[in-house]
Amino acid sequence: MVVAMDQRSNVNGDSSEERFDPSAQPPFKIGDIRAAIPKHCWVKSPLRSMSYVARDIFAVVALAVAAVYFNSWLFWPLYWAAQGTLFWAIFVLGHDCGHGSFSDIPLLNTVVGHILHSFILVPYHGWRISHRTHHQNHGHVENDESWVPLPEKLYKKLSHSTRMLRYTVPLPMLAYPLYLWYRSPGKEGSHYNPYSSLFAPSERNLIATSTTCWSIMLATLVYLSFLVGPFTVLKVYGVPYIIFVMWLDAVTYLHHHGHDDKLPWYRGKEWSYLRGGLTTVDRDYGIFNNIHHDIGTHVIHHLFPQIPHYHLVDATKAAKHVLGRYYREPKTSGAIPIHLVESLVASIKKDHYVSDTGDIVFYETDPDLYVYASDKSKIN
């Protein structure tokens, strides 16, 4: 297989070594990848999909019952971590409904998607439509929707405090609820508003339905707060919800940032669906892979979102020989993926903005971001 390379001299300057250029045009087409994926990987089983829903719901209910029964501060932290992770797993199943990879039955996808996503306070259709925009424009500086990079001019218009909030761990890992309400800097629209610029006029009734379901869930939580007390609702639901949000933000960020190699972003004629999809990254989450339905196998998911989650691993194995060096093998470190925390923190500290010009750009670092105003005055 021929892959794009650039030549760089070694430290002695008397020879060169070949280095892979991840932004170069790939020597294969998306049809070549599709042809390599076995036929069974495209088959959706409603029964199998529903079995995962049943599994996750049973686990959520069992954990909540155990937490209330034991009501011990030795147990609560374990409950929060486990339940928050299961909330994230439920989101992934609703995510499959949104893509239509849950089943070939649109009504089943819609009903299950609304139940699962409303339970974790996500407006199903609002999110589904914006997420579709993300997949259709992945890797595009201006048109992408998820963790889209800030152009330099927009970045420098932000106050220093806003930049600090955006690029200081763990604050970015709590951004999802704000994104649902306000989207990202430079973009307008709310996932709850049927008249938002996110949606076409023909989609307004869908958004109204999802926002109504979301409102019912929120009202239920308020009612339970009066019935059993707000502190109980916070312990049983609120803290796991925060853990879920952190899972969602961390995982979605890591699938588009934080690799050892710089990943390109595209504009204009340089962008294509294939090149944008190849900027995504697979991650190994150790013991969590099965729990959250192998969402870490993200490259093939982005290129072919109609493949059910339970076939993504097989599809990836079959396609790797076509992808060649454009596929970055996920780093593994045993059952607990501590290395991902290191990648996350390192990326947030250095991936701040991209150039306003150029059709192929890479993240750049603001050297003054973590220099406080008082320190700057001393330097000057």
Protein backbone atom coordinates (compact mmCIF):
# COMPACT_ATOMS: atom_id res chain seq x y z
CA MET A 1 0.00 0.00 0.00
CA VAL A 2 1.28 3.44 -0.92
CA VAL A 3 0.95 6.04 1.81
CA ALA A 4 1.79 9.73 1.84
CA MET A 5 5.11 10.59 3.45
CA ASP A 6 7.25 13.63 3.97
CA GLN A 7 11.00 13.58 4.30
CA ARG A 8 12.73 15.01 7.36
CA SER A 9 16.42 15.03 8.11
CA ASN A 10 17.75 13.27 11.17
CA VAL A 11 19.75 15.05 13.86
CA ASN A 12 23.01 14.57 11.95
CA GLY A 13 21.57 16.04 8.80
CA ASP A 14 23.16 13.36 6.59
CA SER A 15 20.15 11.17 5.98
CA SER A 16 16.39 11.30 6.11
CA GLU A 17 13.70 9.22 7.69
CA GLU A 18 10.24 8.69 6.39
CA ARG A 19 7.46 10.18 8.48
CA PHE A 20 3.77 9.62 7.98
CA ASP A 21 1.69 12.67 7.07
CA PRO A 22 -1.80 12.18 8.60
CA SER A 23 -3.22 15.10 6.60
CA ALA A 24 -2.32 13.70 3.17
CA GLN A 25 -4.92 12.35 0.78
CA PRO A 26 -5.41 8.64 1.64
CA PRO A 27 -4.55 6.13 -1.12
CA PHE A 28 -7.93 4.40 -0.75
CA LYS A 29 -11.59 5.33 -1.06
CA ILE A 30 -14.43 4.86 1.37
CA GLY A 31 -15.79 2.13 -0.91
CA ASP A 32 -12.58 0.15 -0.34
CA ILE A 33 -13.19 0.25 3.41
CA ARG A 34 -16.83 -0.68 3.00
CA ALA A 35 -15.92 -3.66 0.81
CA ALA A 36 -13.53 -4.99 3.46
CA ILE A 37 -16.18 -5.10 6.18
CA PRO A 38 -17.97 -8.49 6.45
CA LYS A 39 -21.67 -8.58 5.57
CA HIS A 40 -22.73 -9.68 9.04
CA CYS A 41 -21.43 -6.40 10.47
CA TRP A 42 -24.22 -4.51 8.75
CA VAL A 43 -27.00 -6.66 10.21
CA LYS A 44 -29.10 -5.00 12.95
CA SER A 45 -30.92 -7.22 15.43
CA PRO A 46 -33.73 -5.49 17.36
CA LEU A 47 -33.79 -8.39 19.81
CA ARG A 48 -30.08 -8.16 20.50
CA SER A 49 -30.23 -4.38 20.80
CA MET A 50 -33.13 -4.60 23.25
CA SER A 51 -31.22 -7.15 25.31
CA TYR A 52 -28.56 -4.51 25.98
CA VAL A 53 -31.28 -2.06 26.99
CA ALA A 54 -32.72 -4.61 29.40
CA ARG A 55 -29.26 -5.34 30.80
CA ASP A 56 -28.48 -1.70 31.47
CA ILE A 57 -31.88 -0.82 32.92
CA PHE A 58 -31.75 -3.82 35.25
CA ALA A 59 -28.29 -2.77 36.44
CA VAL A 60 -29.39 0.84 36.99
CA VAL A 61 -32.43 -0.22 39.03
CA ALA A 62 -30.47 -2.79 41.04
CA LEU A 63 -27.80 -0.26 41.93
CA ALA A 64 -30.34 2.36 42.98
CA VAL A 65 -32.22 -0.13 45.17
CA ALA A 66 -28.96 -1.28 46.79
CA ALA A 67 -27.86 2.31 47.43
CA VAL A 68 -31.11 3.26 49.12
CA TYR A 69 -31.19 0.00 51.10
CA PHE A 70 -27.65 0.22 52.46
CA ASN A 71 -27.58 4.06 52.66
CA SER A 72 -23.96 3.98 53.74
CA TRP A 73 -21.28 6.56 53.05
CA LEU A 74 -18.94 3.64 52.40
CA PHE A 75 -21.23 2.56 49.56
CA TRP A 76 -22.34 5.89 48.06
CA PRO A 77 -19.04 6.77 46.28
CA LEU A 78 -18.95 3.31 44.67
CA TYR A 79 -22.58 3.71 43.68
CA TRP A 80 -21.98 7.13 42.11
CA ALA A 81 -19.09 5.88 39.98
CA ALA A 82 -20.92 2.75 38.86
CA GLN A 83 -24.28 4.41 38.25
CA GLY A 84 -22.76 7.36 36.41
CA THR A 85 -20.96 4.89 34.13
CA LEU A 86 -24.25 3.08 33.48
CA PHE A 87 -25.97 6.38 32.67
CA TRP A 88 -23.24 6.83 30.05
CA ALA A 89 -23.88 3.30 28.72
CA ILE A 90 -27.57 4.18 28.41
CA PHE A 91 -26.63 7.27 26.43
CA VAL A 92 -24.64 5.12 24.01
CA LEU A 93 -27.68 2.91 23.35
CA GLY A 94 -29.82 5.99 22.74
CA HIS A 95 -27.03 7.20 20.47
CA ASP A 96 -27.45 4.00 18.42
CA CYS A 97 -31.17 4.75 18.18
CA GLY A 98 -30.34 8.20 16.83
CA HIS A 99 -28.13 6.72 14.12
CA GLY A 100 -30.64 4.04 13.20
CA SER A 101 -28.07 1.37 14.04
CA PHE A 102 -30.27 0.13 16.89
CA SER A 103 -32.73 -1.44 14.45
CA ASP A 104 -34.30 -1.01 11.01
CA ILE A 105 -37.60 -0.07 12.69
CA PRO A 106 -37.81 3.76 12.91
CA LEU A 107 -40.63 3.73 15.47
CA LEU A 108 -38.67 1.41 17.79
CA ASN A 109 -35.60 3.62 17.46
CA THR A 110 -37.62 6.73 18.28
CA VAL A 111 -39.48 5.28 21.27
CA VAL A 112 -36.42 3.63 22.85
CA GLY A 113 -34.26 6.66 22.08
CA HIS A 114 -36.71 9.01 23.81
CA ILE A 115 -37.02 6.78 26.87
CA LEU A 116 -33.27 6.32 27.31
CA HIS A 117 -32.19 9.87 26.56
CA SER A 118 -35.00 11.58 28.45
CA PHE A 119 -34.07 9.54 31.53
CA ILE A 120 -30.60 11.14 31.49
CA LEU A 121 -31.96 14.60 30.56
CA VAL A 122 -30.92 14.60 26.91
CA PRO A 123 -33.43 15.94 24.34
CA TYR A 124 -33.43 13.00 21.92
CA HIS A 125 -34.30 14.60 18.58
CA GLY A 126 -32.44 17.83 19.39
CA TRP A 127 -29.27 15.89 20.09
CA ARG A 128 -29.86 13.39 17.25
CA ILE A 129 -30.06 16.12 14.63
CA SER A 130 -27.03 18.07 15.81
CA HIS A 131 -25.08 14.81 16.12
CA ARG A 132 -26.02 13.99 12.54
CA THR A 133 -24.49 17.35 11.58
CA HIS A 134 -21.34 16.35 13.45
CA HIS A 135 -21.01 13.10 11.52
CA GLN A 136 -21.72 14.72 8.17
CA ASN A 137 -19.04 17.38 8.77
CA HIS A 138 -16.52 15.61 11.00
CA GLY A 139 -13.08 17.18 10.87
CA HIS A 140 -14.30 20.43 9.27
CA VAL A 141 -13.17 23.56 11.13
CA GLU A 142 -16.31 25.63 10.57
CA ASN A 143 -19.03 23.04 9.99
CA ASP A 144 -18.32 20.34 12.57
CA GLU A 145 -20.52 20.34 15.66
CA SER A 146 -18.70 18.38 18.38
CA TRP A 147 -15.61 19.86 20.08
CA VAL A 148 -15.14 22.06 17.03
CA PRO A 149 -11.84 24.00 17.20
CA LEU A 150 -11.88 27.74 17.77
CA PRO A 151 -10.31 29.83 14.99
CA GLU A 152 -7.56 32.09 16.31
CA LYS A 153 -9.52 35.37 15.96
CA LEU A 154 -12.50 34.00 17.86
CA TYR A 155 -10.24 32.46 20.50
CA LYS A 156 -8.47 35.77 21.11
CA LYS A 157 -11.80 37.58 21.50
CA LEU A 158 -12.57 35.43 24.55
CA SER A 159 -11.64 36.88 27.92
CA HIS A 160 -8.75 35.30 29.77
CA SER A 161 -11.14 33.93 32.39
CA THR A 162 -13.31 32.31 29.69
CA ARG A 163 -10.26 30.66 28.15
CA MET A 164 -9.21 29.36 31.54
CA LEU A 165 -12.65 27.89 32.14
CA ARG A 166 -12.61 26.24 28.73
CA TYR A 167 -9.12 24.78 29.02
CA THR A 168 -8.67 23.87 32.68
CA VAL A 169 -9.44 20.30 33.80
CA PRO A 170 -12.02 19.24 34.96
CA LEU A 171 -14.21 22.18 33.87
CA PRO A 172 -14.37 21.21 30.16
CA MET A 173 -15.65 17.80 31.30
CA LEU A 174 -18.80 19.47 32.64
CA ALA A 175 -19.65 21.32 29.43
CA TYR A 176 -22.35 19.11 27.93
CA PRO A 177 -25.44 20.63 29.62
CA LEU A 178 -24.23 24.11 28.60
CA TYR A 179 -23.65 22.89 25.06
CA LEU A 180 -27.23 21.62 24.89
CA TRP A 181 -28.49 25.06 25.91
CA TYR A 182 -26.06 27.36 24.10
CA ARG A 183 -23.83 25.29 21.75
CA SER A 184 -20.17 26.26 21.35
CA PRO A 185 -18.59 29.74 21.11
CA GLY A 186 -19.24 31.20 17.67
CA LYS A 187 -22.36 29.07 17.14
CA GLU A 188 -25.92 29.90 18.05
CA GLY A 189 -28.94 27.79 18.86
CA SER A 190 -30.43 25.62 21.59
CA HIS A 191 -31.18 21.90 21.38
CA TYR A 192 -34.47 22.56 23.20
CA ASN A 193 -35.85 25.31 20.95
CA PRO A 194 -37.87 24.12 17.92
CA TYR A 195 -37.07 27.43 16.19
CA SER A 196 -33.31 27.15 16.74
CA SER A 197 -31.03 27.58 13.73
CA LEU A 198 -29.91 24.02 14.39
CA PHE A 199 -33.13 22.67 12.91
CA ALA A 200 -35.13 22.85 9.71
CA PRO A 201 -38.76 24.04 9.89
CA SER A 202 -39.88 20.48 9.11
CA GLU A 203 -38.13 19.27 12.29
CA ARG A 204 -39.85 21.64 14.73
CA ASN A 205 -42.49 19.15 15.85
CA LEU A 206 -39.79 16.57 16.54
CA ILE A 207 -37.87 19.03 18.72
CA ALA A 208 -41.04 20.00 20.58
CA THR A 209 -41.71 16.33 21.32
CA SER A 210 -38.20 15.73 22.67
CA THR A 211 -38.21 18.89 24.76
CA THR A 212 -41.57 17.84 26.23
CA CYS A 213 -40.16 14.42 27.20
CA TRP A 214 -37.12 16.13 28.72
CA SER A 215 -39.41 18.46 30.67
CA ILE A 216 -41.44 15.54 32.02
CA MET A 217 -38.29 13.90 33.34
CA LEU A 218 -37.13 17.15 34.93
CA ALA A 219 -40.57 17.65 36.50
CA THR A 220 -40.42 14.10 37.85
CA LEU A 221 -37.11 14.83 39.56
CA VAL A 222 -38.53 18.02 41.07
CA TYR A 223 -41.57 16.12 42.32
CA LEU A 224 -39.36 13.42 43.85
CA SER A 225 -37.34 16.14 45.56
CA PHE A 226 -40.50 17.27 47.36
CA LEU A 227 -41.54 13.67 48.04
CA VAL A 228 -38.31 12.16 49.41
CA GLY A 229 -36.12 15.24 49.80
CA PRO A 230 -33.69 17.00 47.46
CA PHE A 231 -30.65 15.48 49.16
CA THR A 232 -31.89 11.95 48.44
CA VAL A 233 -32.52 12.82 44.77
CA LEU A 234 -29.06 14.36 44.61
CA LYS A 235 -27.46 11.21 45.99
CA VAL A 236 -29.46 8.74 43.93
CA TYR A 237 -29.66 10.65 40.62
CA GLY A 238 -27.80 13.98 40.70
CA VAL A 239 -24.26 12.81 41.39
CA PRO A 240 -24.46 9.91 38.88
CA TYR A 241 -25.73 12.43 36.31
CA ILE A 242 -22.61 14.55 36.87
CA ILE A 243 -20.42 11.44 36.47
CA PHE A 244 -22.29 10.63 33.25
CA VAL A 245 -21.64 14.14 31.90
CA MET A 246 -17.93 13.76 32.68
CA TRP A 247 -17.87 10.41 30.86
CA LEU A 248 -19.63 11.90 27.85
CA ASP A 249 -17.38 14.95 27.58
CA ALA A 250 -14.17 13.00 28.20
CA VAL A 251 -14.96 10.22 25.71
CA THR A 252 -16.18 12.50 22.93
CA TYR A 253 -13.17 14.76 23.44
CA LEU A 254 -10.70 11.88 23.36
CA HIS A 255 -12.17 10.57 20.10
CA HIS A 256 -11.24 13.82 18.35
CA HIS A 257 -8.18 15.06 20.28
CA GLY A 258 -5.30 14.05 22.41
CA HIS A 259 -3.49 11.54 20.23
CA ASP A 260 0.31 11.40 20.39
CA ASP A 261 0.35 12.65 16.79
CA LYS A 262 -1.20 15.97 15.83
CA LEU A 263 -4.46 15.40 13.98
CA PRO A 264 -5.48 17.69 11.11
CA TRP A 265 -8.60 19.78 10.67
CA TYR A 266 -9.80 20.75 7.21
CA ARG A 267 -11.49 23.57 5.34
CA GLY A 268 -12.72 24.18 1.83
CA LYS A 269 -11.62 21.89 -0.97
CA GLU A 270 -9.29 19.89 1.28
CA TRP A 271 -12.16 18.53 3.37
CA SER A 272 -13.94 15.31 2.42
CA TYR A 273 -16.12 12.92 4.36
CA LEU A 274 -13.36 10.29 4.27
CA ARG A 275 -10.53 12.60 5.35
CA GLY A 276 -12.66 14.05 8.14
CA GLY A 277 -13.59 10.59 9.41
CA LEU A 278 -9.94 9.58 9.51
CA THR A 279 -9.20 12.34 12.03
CA THR A 280 -11.14 10.38 14.68
CA VAL A 281 -9.31 8.15 17.13
CA ASP A 282 -10.03 4.70 18.58
CA ARG A 283 -9.54 4.34 22.33
CA ASP A 284 -9.17 1.32 24.60
CA TYR A 285 -11.17 1.74 27.81
CA GLY A 286 -10.14 -1.55 29.35
CA ILE A 287 -12.86 -3.05 31.54
CA PHE A 288 -15.28 -0.34 30.38
CA ASN A 289 -15.28 -1.39 26.72
CA ASN A 290 -18.10 -3.88 27.15
CA ILE A 291 -19.96 -1.76 29.70
CA HIS A 292 -20.28 1.21 27.39
CA HIS A 293 -20.89 -0.87 24.27
CA ASP A 294 -17.50 -0.57 22.52
CA ILE A 295 -17.96 3.11 21.70
CA GLY A 296 -14.16 3.32 21.78
CA THR A 297 -14.08 1.73 18.30
CA HIS A 298 -14.78 5.14 16.87
CA VAL A 299 -13.14 5.41 13.44
CA ILE A 300 -15.37 2.85 11.74
CA HIS A 301 -18.35 4.19 13.67
CA HIS A 302 -17.74 7.66 12.27
CA LEU A 303 -17.34 6.46 8.71
CA PHE A 304 -20.27 4.01 8.89
CA PRO A 305 -22.59 5.05 11.76
CA GLN A 306 -25.23 2.55 10.61
CA ILE A 307 -23.13 -0.38 11.91
CA PRO A 308 -24.49 -1.64 15.28
CA HIS A 309 -22.16 -1.22 18.23
CA TYR A 310 -21.86 -4.98 18.71
CA HIS A 311 -20.27 -5.36 15.26
CA LEU A 312 -17.82 -2.44 15.46
CA VAL A 313 -14.88 -4.49 16.75
CA ASP A 314 -15.20 -7.06 13.95
CA ALA A 315 -15.63 -4.33 11.35
CA THR A 316 -12.54 -2.50 12.59
CA LYS A 317 -10.40 -5.63 12.52
CA ALA A 318 -11.47 -6.32 8.95
CA ALA A 319 -10.84 -2.74 7.77
CA LYS A 320 -7.47 -2.10 9.38
CA HIS A 321 -5.47 -3.50 6.46
CA VAL A 322 -7.15 -0.98 4.16
CA LEU A 323 -6.68 1.97 6.52
CA GLY A 324 -2.99 1.23 7.03
CA ARG A 325 -1.22 4.01 8.91
CA TYR A 326 -4.31 6.18 8.78
CA TYR A 327 -5.61 3.93 11.53
CA ARG A 328 -3.94 4.66 14.86
CA GLU A 329 -3.88 1.63 17.12
CA PRO A 330 -5.32 2.53 20.52
CA LYS A 331 -2.84 2.47 23.37
CA THR A 332 -3.62 -0.14 26.00
CA SER A 333 -2.61 -0.22 29.67
CA GLY A 334 -4.58 -2.99 31.28
CA ALA A 335 -8.03 -3.00 32.81
CA ILE A 336 -8.05 0.60 34.09
CA PRO A 337 -7.26 3.14 31.30
CA ILE A 338 -5.26 5.61 33.40
CA HIS A 339 -3.29 6.64 30.30
CA LEU A 340 -6.42 8.26 28.89
CA VAL A 341 -6.55 10.73 31.77
CA GLU A 342 -2.97 11.73 30.93
CA SER A 343 -3.85 12.15 27.24
CA LEU A 344 -6.92 14.19 28.12
CA VAL A 345 -5.09 16.59 30.41
CA ALA A 346 -2.13 16.98 28.04
CA SER A 347 -4.39 17.73 25.08
CA ILE A 348 -6.50 20.31 26.91
CA LYS A 349 -3.34 22.10 27.98
CA LYS A 350 -1.94 22.39 24.44
CA ASP A 351 -4.80 22.18 21.90
CA HIS A 352 -6.32 25.67 22.06
CA TYR A 353 -7.07 27.09 18.61
CA VAL A 354 -6.38 26.73 14.91
CA SER A 355 -5.24 29.26 12.34
CA ASP A 356 -7.83 31.45 10.63
CA THR A 357 -6.28 30.67 7.28
CA GLY A 358 -5.29 27.49 5.48
CA ASP A 359 -7.33 24.52 4.32
CA ILE A 360 -5.31 22.07 6.44
CA VAL A 361 -4.66 23.23 9.99
CA PHE A 362 -3.50 21.77 13.27
CA TYR A 363 -4.12 22.81 16.85
CA GLU A 364 -1.85 25.52 18.23
CA THR A 365 -0.99 26.37 21.82
CA ASP A 366 -1.54 29.67 23.60
CA PRO A 367 1.70 30.18 25.57
CA ASP A 368 0.07 32.82 27.79
CA LEU A 369 -3.04 30.86 28.74
CA TYR A 370 -1.82 29.65 32.11
CA VAL A 371 0.12 32.84 32.88
CA TYR A 372 -2.04 34.86 35.25
CA ALA A 373 -2.43 38.62 34.93
CA SER A 374 -0.31 39.25 38.04
CA ASP A 375 2.47 37.09 36.65
CA LYS A 376 2.34 38.89 33.30
CA SER A 377 2.81 42.26 34.97
CA LYS A 378 5.89 40.93 36.75
CA ILE A 379 7.28 39.62 33.45
CA ASN A 380 6.63 42.94 31.71
